Every structure is written in structure tokens, then in C-alpha cells.
Amino acid sequence: MSPHPHPLSNRLNQAQPYALAGFRIVIGLLFACHGAATLFGVLGDGPTATAGAWPGWYAAVIQLVAGVLVLVGLGTRSAAFLASGSMAYAYFSVHQPEGLFPLENSGEGSALFCWAFLLLVFTGPGALSLDRVFGGAAREERRQEPVTA
């Protein structure tokens, strides 16, 4: 390995916060759309959930609220943690009993959302987020700086 990083690597590293923001925005939007479809019957022709019905209505509220929060980058890590957990619950309670692997049990969406949101828990919102505007991301980054002796 060369002691000097390749110029392309430097450019990609500089763009990383913006790529992460794009990922966060798309994942949040898609998740919020699922919630809106289930709650209000928009963006599709599927059935709506009856208010207060377990677990569908609550899952849809989590999808809509957490999706919008992730989309705009407000409370990103907390919203992503909740969203990831809800998708893990959906996978193991709804899909996994139908088969071991996501391709067998139609659980690809739940599995992908679960892992995508878990990634955002660890990476934070990236650039272009309300967390950065309000200083939450800067405080988190200062807390996570490695301690040197």
C-alpha cells in the first residue's frame, strides 16, 4: 500500500458527507411514503390501517414520523434507531416465520430498511441536515472524538 492516498480517494472522501446525506434523504423519503400510504391511502392502492390497530397503525406512524425526521436530518440517530428496530420487529414477527431467508419470505424491504437505518445510527446524518443547523451533529462529533493520552 502506498503511503499517499490516491487523488480519487481524496475526492471521494471529501464528498462522503454529501453522499451520506443523499442516502439519508432517499431512505427517509421511502420510509415516510410507506407510512403515508398505510395511514392515508396515498401513493398506492393498498389498504389503510385502522386507527389504533396493532401493529399496522403503530408501524405506519413510526414509518411516517421517523421517515420524515430522517429525511430532514432532525434527531437522525434516534429516529433511525427507532425505525431500524421497527423493521427488525417486522422482519422477525411477520416475514421470518414464512421462511429463513428474505427471498423466501418477502422480507427484503424490512431487512434492507433495518440495516440502512442501523447504518445511519452509527454514521449520523451527513451534510445538509437540520441536526447540523441546530448544532446537534457538532456536539455529537465532539463527544465521539477519540481520547488521546
N, C-alpha and C. Protein backbone atom coordinates (compact mmCIF):
# COMPACT_ATOMS: atom_id res chain seq x y z
N MET A 1 0.83 -1.18 0.00
CA MET A 1 0.00 0.00 0.00
C MET A 1 0.87 1.24 0.00
N SER A 2 0.44 2.19 -0.75
CA SER A 2 1.16 3.45 -0.87
C SER A 2 0.90 4.32 0.36
N PRO A 3 1.95 5.05 0.83
CA PRO A 3 1.74 5.91 1.99
C PRO A 3 0.88 7.13 1.67
N HIS A 4 0.72 7.46 0.39
CA HIS A 4 -0.07 8.61 -0.01
C HIS A 4 -1.38 8.15 -0.64
N PRO A 5 -2.50 8.65 -0.15
CA PRO A 5 -3.78 8.24 -0.73
C PRO A 5 -3.90 8.69 -2.18
N HIS A 6 -4.60 7.94 -2.95
CA HIS A 6 -4.86 8.25 -4.35
C HIS A 6 -5.73 9.51 -4.43
N PRO A 7 -5.49 10.38 -5.43
CA PRO A 7 -6.30 11.61 -5.55
C PRO A 7 -7.81 11.34 -5.63
N LEU A 8 -8.18 10.23 -6.29
CA LEU A 8 -9.59 9.90 -6.36
C LEU A 8 -10.15 9.60 -4.98
N SER A 9 -9.38 8.91 -4.16
CA SER A 9 -9.82 8.62 -2.79
C SER A 9 -10.03 9.90 -2.01
N ASN A 10 -9.13 10.86 -2.19
CA ASN A 10 -9.29 12.15 -1.51
C ASN A 10 -10.59 12.82 -1.92
N ARG A 11 -10.89 12.82 -3.22
CA ARG A 11 -12.12 13.45 -3.71
C ARG A 11 -13.35 12.74 -3.18
N LEU A 12 -13.30 11.41 -3.19
CA LEU A 12 -14.44 10.64 -2.68
C LEU A 12 -14.64 10.89 -1.18
N ASN A 13 -13.55 10.97 -0.44
CA ASN A 13 -13.64 11.24 1.00
C ASN A 13 -14.26 12.61 1.26
N GLN A 14 -13.92 13.59 0.43
CA GLN A 14 -14.50 14.93 0.59
C GLN A 14 -16.00 14.93 0.30
N ALA A 15 -16.44 14.07 -0.60
CA ALA A 15 -17.86 14.00 -0.96
C ALA A 15 -18.67 13.11 -0.02
N GLN A 16 -18.00 12.39 0.85
CA GLN A 16 -18.68 11.42 1.71
C GLN A 16 -19.85 11.99 2.50
N PRO A 17 -19.74 13.15 3.15
CA PRO A 17 -20.89 13.67 3.89
C PRO A 17 -22.10 13.95 3.01
N TYR A 18 -21.86 14.33 1.75
CA TYR A 18 -22.95 14.62 0.84
C TYR A 18 -23.57 13.34 0.29
N ALA A 19 -22.76 12.32 0.05
CA ALA A 19 -23.28 11.02 -0.36
C ALA A 19 -24.13 10.42 0.76
N LEU A 20 -23.65 10.57 1.98
CA LEU A 20 -24.40 10.08 3.14
C LEU A 20 -25.72 10.83 3.27
N ALA A 21 -25.70 12.13 3.03
CA ALA A 21 -26.93 12.93 3.08
C ALA A 21 -27.91 12.44 2.01
N GLY A 22 -27.43 12.18 0.82
CA GLY A 22 -28.30 11.66 -0.24
C GLY A 22 -28.92 10.33 0.15
N PHE A 23 -28.11 9.45 0.73
CA PHE A 23 -28.60 8.16 1.21
C PHE A 23 -29.68 8.36 2.27
N ARG A 24 -29.40 9.23 3.25
CA ARG A 24 -30.35 9.51 4.33
C ARG A 24 -31.66 10.06 3.79
N ILE A 25 -31.58 10.99 2.86
CA ILE A 25 -32.78 11.63 2.30
C ILE A 25 -33.64 10.61 1.56
N VAL A 26 -33.03 9.79 0.73
CA VAL A 26 -33.79 8.79 -0.04
C VAL A 26 -34.41 7.75 0.88
N ILE A 27 -33.64 7.24 1.84
CA ILE A 27 -34.18 6.22 2.76
C ILE A 27 -35.32 6.82 3.58
N GLY A 28 -35.14 8.03 4.09
CA GLY A 28 -36.20 8.67 4.87
C GLY A 28 -37.45 8.90 4.05
N LEU A 29 -37.29 9.36 2.81
CA LEU A 29 -38.44 9.60 1.94
C LEU A 29 -39.19 8.30 1.66
N LEU A 30 -38.48 7.26 1.30
CA LEU A 30 -39.13 5.98 1.01
C LEU A 30 -39.88 5.43 2.22
N PHE A 31 -39.27 5.56 3.40
CA PHE A 31 -39.90 5.07 4.63
C PHE A 31 -41.15 5.89 4.95
N ALA A 32 -41.05 7.21 4.83
CA ALA A 32 -42.20 8.07 5.09
C ALA A 32 -43.34 7.77 4.11
N CYS A 33 -43.00 7.47 2.86
CA CYS A 33 -44.04 7.12 1.87
C CYS A 33 -44.79 5.86 2.28
N HIS A 34 -44.10 4.88 2.83
CA HIS A 34 -44.78 3.66 3.32
C HIS A 34 -45.78 4.01 4.41
N GLY A 35 -45.36 4.86 5.34
CA GLY A 35 -46.26 5.27 6.42
C GLY A 35 -47.45 6.04 5.91
N ALA A 36 -47.22 6.99 4.99
CA ALA A 36 -48.32 7.79 4.43
C ALA A 36 -49.30 6.91 3.67
N ALA A 37 -48.78 5.93 2.93
CA ALA A 37 -49.65 5.03 2.19
C ALA A 37 -50.54 4.23 3.13
N THR A 38 -49.97 3.74 4.22
CA THR A 38 -50.74 2.92 5.15
C THR A 38 -51.72 3.75 5.96
N LEU A 39 -51.33 4.96 6.34
CA LEU A 39 -52.21 5.79 7.17
C LEU A 39 -53.30 6.49 6.37
N PHE A 40 -52.94 6.99 5.17
CA PHE A 40 -53.87 7.86 4.44
C PHE A 40 -54.30 7.32 3.08
N GLY A 41 -53.77 6.17 2.68
CA GLY A 41 -54.16 5.60 1.39
C GLY A 41 -53.63 6.36 0.19
N VAL A 42 -52.57 7.13 0.39
CA VAL A 42 -51.96 7.86 -0.72
C VAL A 42 -50.77 7.08 -1.25
N LEU A 43 -50.32 7.41 -2.45
CA LEU A 43 -49.12 6.82 -3.04
C LEU A 43 -49.24 5.33 -3.30
N GLY A 44 -50.43 4.84 -3.47
CA GLY A 44 -50.62 3.43 -3.75
C GLY A 44 -52.08 3.07 -3.59
N ASP A 45 -52.40 1.84 -3.89
CA ASP A 45 -53.79 1.42 -3.79
C ASP A 45 -54.00 0.37 -2.71
N GLY A 46 -53.06 0.29 -1.77
CA GLY A 46 -53.19 -0.69 -0.70
C GLY A 46 -54.18 -0.25 0.36
N PRO A 47 -54.50 -1.16 1.26
CA PRO A 47 -55.45 -0.83 2.33
C PRO A 47 -54.82 0.10 3.37
N THR A 48 -55.66 0.89 4.02
CA THR A 48 -55.19 1.74 5.10
C THR A 48 -55.38 1.01 6.42
N ALA A 49 -54.59 1.40 7.41
CA ALA A 49 -54.69 0.77 8.72
C ALA A 49 -55.77 1.48 9.53
N THR A 50 -56.50 0.70 10.30
CA THR A 50 -57.49 1.26 11.21
C THR A 50 -56.76 1.92 12.36
N ALA A 51 -57.20 3.13 12.72
CA ALA A 51 -56.53 3.89 13.78
C ALA A 51 -56.45 3.07 15.07
N GLY A 52 -55.24 2.97 15.60
CA GLY A 52 -55.00 2.25 16.85
C GLY A 52 -54.84 0.75 16.70
N ALA A 53 -54.96 0.22 15.49
CA ALA A 53 -54.85 -1.24 15.29
C ALA A 53 -53.40 -1.67 15.43
N TRP A 54 -53.17 -2.71 16.22
CA TRP A 54 -51.83 -3.25 16.43
C TRP A 54 -51.56 -4.33 15.40
N PRO A 55 -50.40 -4.39 14.82
CA PRO A 55 -49.29 -3.46 14.89
C PRO A 55 -49.27 -2.47 13.72
N GLY A 56 -50.19 -2.68 12.74
CA GLY A 56 -50.12 -1.93 11.48
C GLY A 56 -50.18 -0.42 11.62
N TRP A 57 -51.12 0.08 12.42
CA TRP A 57 -51.27 1.53 12.54
C TRP A 57 -50.05 2.13 13.24
N TYR A 58 -49.58 1.48 14.30
CA TYR A 58 -48.41 1.99 15.02
C TYR A 58 -47.15 1.94 14.14
N ALA A 59 -47.02 0.88 13.38
CA ALA A 59 -45.88 0.77 12.45
C ALA A 59 -45.92 1.90 11.43
N ALA A 60 -47.11 2.20 10.92
CA ALA A 60 -47.25 3.26 9.93
C ALA A 60 -46.92 4.64 10.52
N VAL A 61 -47.31 4.86 11.77
CA VAL A 61 -46.97 6.14 12.42
C VAL A 61 -45.46 6.24 12.58
N ILE A 62 -44.82 5.15 12.99
CA ILE A 62 -43.35 5.15 13.11
C ILE A 62 -42.72 5.41 11.75
N GLN A 63 -43.25 4.76 10.72
CA GLN A 63 -42.70 4.95 9.37
C GLN A 63 -42.81 6.40 8.93
N LEU A 64 -43.98 7.00 9.13
CA LEU A 64 -44.18 8.38 8.69
C LEU A 64 -43.32 9.35 9.49
N VAL A 65 -43.40 9.27 10.81
CA VAL A 65 -42.69 10.23 11.65
C VAL A 65 -41.18 10.04 11.57
N ALA A 66 -40.71 8.81 11.76
CA ALA A 66 -39.26 8.56 11.71
C ALA A 66 -38.73 8.82 10.31
N GLY A 67 -39.50 8.48 9.29
CA GLY A 67 -39.07 8.74 7.92
C GLY A 67 -38.89 10.22 7.65
N VAL A 68 -39.82 11.05 8.10
CA VAL A 68 -39.70 12.50 7.90
C VAL A 68 -38.52 13.04 8.70
N LEU A 69 -38.34 12.58 9.93
CA LEU A 69 -37.22 13.05 10.74
C LEU A 69 -35.88 12.69 10.10
N VAL A 70 -35.77 11.48 9.60
CA VAL A 70 -34.54 11.07 8.92
C VAL A 70 -34.37 11.87 7.63
N LEU A 71 -35.44 12.04 6.89
CA LEU A 71 -35.40 12.80 5.64
C LEU A 71 -34.81 14.20 5.85
N VAL A 72 -35.28 14.91 6.86
CA VAL A 72 -34.80 16.28 7.09
C VAL A 72 -33.56 16.31 7.97
N GLY A 73 -33.20 15.17 8.54
CA GLY A 73 -32.00 15.10 9.37
C GLY A 73 -32.17 15.75 10.72
N LEU A 74 -33.29 15.50 11.38
CA LEU A 74 -33.56 16.05 12.70
C LEU A 74 -33.70 14.89 13.68
N GLY A 75 -32.81 14.83 14.67
CA GLY A 75 -32.82 13.69 15.58
C GLY A 75 -32.54 12.40 14.83
N THR A 76 -31.64 12.49 13.86
CA THR A 76 -31.42 11.41 12.91
C THR A 76 -31.07 10.09 13.59
N ARG A 77 -30.13 10.10 14.50
CA ARG A 77 -29.70 8.84 15.12
C ARG A 77 -30.83 8.19 15.91
N SER A 78 -31.57 8.98 16.66
CA SER A 78 -32.68 8.42 17.45
C SER A 78 -33.80 7.91 16.55
N ALA A 79 -34.18 8.71 15.55
CA ALA A 79 -35.24 8.30 14.64
C ALA A 79 -34.82 7.05 13.86
N ALA A 80 -33.56 7.00 13.44
CA ALA A 80 -33.07 5.83 12.70
C ALA A 80 -33.04 4.59 13.60
N PHE A 81 -32.71 4.77 14.87
CA PHE A 81 -32.70 3.64 15.81
C PHE A 81 -34.12 3.07 15.96
N LEU A 82 -35.10 3.95 16.13
CA LEU A 82 -36.49 3.51 16.24
C LEU A 82 -36.95 2.82 14.96
N ALA A 83 -36.62 3.41 13.82
CA ALA A 83 -37.02 2.84 12.53
C ALA A 83 -36.37 1.48 12.32
N SER A 84 -35.09 1.36 12.64
CA SER A 84 -34.39 0.09 12.48
C SER A 84 -35.02 -0.99 13.35
N GLY A 85 -35.31 -0.64 14.58
CA GLY A 85 -35.95 -1.61 15.48
C GLY A 85 -37.32 -2.03 15.00
N SER A 86 -38.08 -1.08 14.47
CA SER A 86 -39.42 -1.44 13.98
C SER A 86 -39.33 -2.38 12.78
N MET A 87 -38.32 -2.20 11.96
CA MET A 87 -38.15 -3.08 10.80
C MET A 87 -37.61 -4.45 11.22
N ALA A 88 -36.78 -4.49 12.25
CA ALA A 88 -36.35 -5.79 12.78
C ALA A 88 -37.55 -6.55 13.33
N TYR A 89 -38.41 -5.84 14.06
CA TYR A 89 -39.63 -6.45 14.59
C TYR A 89 -40.50 -6.97 13.45
N ALA A 90 -40.68 -6.14 12.42
CA ALA A 90 -41.50 -6.55 11.27
C ALA A 90 -40.91 -7.79 10.60
N TYR A 91 -39.60 -7.80 10.44
CA TYR A 91 -38.98 -8.95 9.79
C TYR A 91 -39.19 -10.23 10.58
N PHE A 92 -38.87 -10.17 11.88
CA PHE A 92 -38.92 -11.40 12.67
C PHE A 92 -40.33 -11.82 13.06
N SER A 93 -41.27 -10.90 13.13
CA SER A 93 -42.63 -11.30 13.51
C SER A 93 -43.52 -11.61 12.31
N VAL A 94 -43.29 -10.94 11.19
CA VAL A 94 -44.15 -11.12 10.02
C VAL A 94 -43.49 -12.00 8.96
N HIS A 95 -42.26 -11.73 8.61
CA HIS A 95 -41.64 -12.39 7.46
C HIS A 95 -40.90 -13.68 7.81
N GLN A 96 -40.08 -13.64 8.82
CA GLN A 96 -39.21 -14.78 9.12
C GLN A 96 -39.98 -16.09 9.39
N PRO A 97 -41.17 -16.05 10.02
CA PRO A 97 -41.91 -17.31 10.18
C PRO A 97 -42.30 -17.98 8.86
N GLU A 98 -42.29 -17.21 7.76
CA GLU A 98 -42.65 -17.76 6.45
C GLU A 98 -41.47 -18.42 5.74
N GLY A 99 -40.26 -18.25 6.24
CA GLY A 99 -39.09 -18.83 5.62
C GLY A 99 -37.84 -18.20 6.22
N LEU A 100 -36.72 -18.89 6.08
CA LEU A 100 -35.49 -18.44 6.72
C LEU A 100 -34.89 -17.20 6.06
N PHE A 101 -34.89 -17.14 4.75
CA PHE A 101 -34.20 -16.07 4.04
C PHE A 101 -35.19 -15.04 3.48
N PRO A 102 -34.76 -13.78 3.37
CA PRO A 102 -35.66 -12.73 2.86
C PRO A 102 -36.26 -13.04 1.49
N LEU A 103 -35.52 -13.71 0.61
CA LEU A 103 -36.08 -14.05 -0.70
C LEU A 103 -37.20 -15.07 -0.59
N GLU A 104 -37.17 -15.89 0.46
CA GLU A 104 -38.22 -16.88 0.67
C GLU A 104 -39.46 -16.27 1.31
N ASN A 105 -39.28 -15.25 2.13
CA ASN A 105 -40.39 -14.78 2.95
C ASN A 105 -40.86 -13.36 2.61
N SER A 106 -40.41 -12.82 1.48
CA SER A 106 -40.77 -11.47 1.03
C SER A 106 -40.38 -10.39 2.05
N GLY A 107 -39.30 -10.63 2.77
CA GLY A 107 -38.87 -9.68 3.78
C GLY A 107 -37.70 -8.81 3.38
N GLU A 108 -37.41 -8.73 2.06
CA GLU A 108 -36.26 -7.93 1.62
C GLU A 108 -36.39 -6.47 2.06
N GLY A 109 -37.56 -5.89 1.88
CA GLY A 109 -37.76 -4.49 2.24
C GLY A 109 -37.50 -4.23 3.72
N SER A 110 -38.06 -5.07 4.57
CA SER A 110 -37.85 -4.92 6.01
C SER A 110 -36.38 -5.07 6.37
N ALA A 111 -35.73 -6.06 5.79
CA ALA A 111 -34.32 -6.29 6.09
C ALA A 111 -33.46 -5.12 5.61
N LEU A 112 -33.70 -4.65 4.41
CA LEU A 112 -32.91 -3.53 3.88
C LEU A 112 -33.13 -2.26 4.68
N PHE A 113 -34.39 -1.94 4.99
CA PHE A 113 -34.65 -0.76 5.81
C PHE A 113 -33.99 -0.89 7.18
N CYS A 114 -34.09 -2.07 7.79
CA CYS A 114 -33.48 -2.28 9.10
C CYS A 114 -31.99 -1.97 9.07
N TRP A 115 -31.28 -2.52 8.12
CA TRP A 115 -29.84 -2.32 8.05
C TRP A 115 -29.47 -0.91 7.59
N ALA A 116 -30.26 -0.32 6.70
CA ALA A 116 -29.99 1.05 6.26
C ALA A 116 -30.12 2.02 7.43
N PHE A 117 -31.17 1.86 8.21
CA PHE A 117 -31.35 2.75 9.37
C PHE A 117 -30.29 2.48 10.43
N LEU A 118 -29.90 1.23 10.61
CA LEU A 118 -28.85 0.93 11.58
C LEU A 118 -27.54 1.61 11.17
N LEU A 119 -27.26 1.64 9.88
CA LEU A 119 -26.07 2.35 9.40
C LEU A 119 -26.14 3.84 9.78
N LEU A 120 -27.32 4.45 9.61
CA LEU A 120 -27.47 5.86 9.95
C LEU A 120 -27.33 6.12 11.45
N VAL A 121 -27.67 5.13 12.28
CA VAL A 121 -27.46 5.28 13.72
C VAL A 121 -25.97 5.50 13.98
N PHE A 122 -25.13 4.77 13.28
CA PHE A 122 -23.69 4.85 13.52
C PHE A 122 -22.98 5.97 12.75
N THR A 123 -23.51 6.34 11.60
CA THR A 123 -22.84 7.37 10.79
C THR A 123 -23.34 8.77 11.08
N GLY A 124 -24.56 8.90 11.56
CA GLY A 124 -25.15 10.21 11.72
C GLY A 124 -25.71 10.69 10.40
N PRO A 125 -26.14 11.95 10.36
CA PRO A 125 -26.91 12.42 9.22
C PRO A 125 -26.12 12.82 7.98
N GLY A 126 -24.82 13.03 8.11
CA GLY A 126 -24.07 13.57 6.98
C GLY A 126 -24.34 15.06 6.85
N ALA A 127 -24.13 15.58 5.66
CA ALA A 127 -24.32 17.01 5.40
C ALA A 127 -25.80 17.31 5.19
N LEU A 128 -26.12 18.57 5.07
CA LEU A 128 -27.46 19.02 4.69
C LEU A 128 -28.55 18.52 5.63
N SER A 129 -28.33 18.61 6.92
CA SER A 129 -29.31 18.13 7.88
C SER A 129 -29.67 19.23 8.87
N LEU A 130 -30.87 19.14 9.41
CA LEU A 130 -31.26 20.08 10.46
C LEU A 130 -30.46 19.83 11.73
N ASP A 131 -29.99 18.61 11.94
CA ASP A 131 -29.11 18.35 13.08
C ASP A 131 -27.88 19.25 13.02
N ARG A 132 -27.33 19.43 11.85
CA ARG A 132 -26.15 20.29 11.68
C ARG A 132 -26.52 21.76 11.87
N VAL A 133 -27.68 22.16 11.37
CA VAL A 133 -28.12 23.55 11.51
C VAL A 133 -28.28 23.92 12.98
N PHE A 134 -28.88 23.01 13.75
CA PHE A 134 -29.13 23.28 15.16
C PHE A 134 -27.96 22.88 16.06
N GLY A 135 -26.88 22.36 15.48
CA GLY A 135 -25.68 22.07 16.23
C GLY A 135 -25.63 20.71 16.90
N GLY A 136 -26.65 19.89 16.74
CA GLY A 136 -26.66 18.57 17.38
C GLY A 136 -25.56 17.67 16.87
N ALA A 137 -25.32 17.70 15.57
CA ALA A 137 -24.29 16.84 14.99
C ALA A 137 -22.91 17.27 15.45
N ALA A 138 -22.69 18.56 15.56
CA ALA A 138 -21.38 19.05 16.01
C ALA A 138 -21.11 18.62 17.44
N ARG A 139 -22.14 18.70 18.30
CA ARG A 139 -21.97 18.25 19.69
C ARG A 139 -21.68 16.75 19.73
N GLU A 140 -22.41 15.96 18.90
CA GLU A 140 -22.18 14.52 18.88
C GLU A 140 -20.76 14.19 18.42
N GLU A 141 -20.28 14.91 17.38
CA GLU A 141 -18.94 14.64 16.86
C GLU A 141 -17.89 14.96 17.92
N ARG A 142 -18.08 16.04 18.69
CA ARG A 142 -17.12 16.38 19.74
C ARG A 142 -17.12 15.30 20.81
N ARG A 143 -18.28 14.76 21.15
CA ARG A 143 -18.36 13.71 22.15
C ARG A 143 -17.68 12.43 21.69
N GLN A 144 -17.66 12.19 20.38
CA GLN A 144 -17.13 10.94 19.85
C GLN A 144 -15.66 11.01 19.50
N GLU A 145 -15.03 12.17 19.66
CA GLU A 145 -13.62 12.27 19.33
C GLU A 145 -12.83 11.32 20.23
N PRO A 146 -11.85 10.62 19.66
CA PRO A 146 -11.08 9.68 20.47
C PRO A 146 -10.26 10.41 21.53
N VAL A 147 -10.16 9.78 22.66
CA VAL A 147 -9.38 10.34 23.77
C VAL A 147 -7.92 9.98 23.55
N THR A 148 -7.05 10.97 23.57
CA THR A 148 -5.63 10.71 23.41
C THR A 148 -4.93 10.98 24.71
N ALA A 149 -3.92 10.18 25.00
CA ALA A 149 -3.19 10.34 26.26
C ALA A 149 -1.87 11.01 26.03
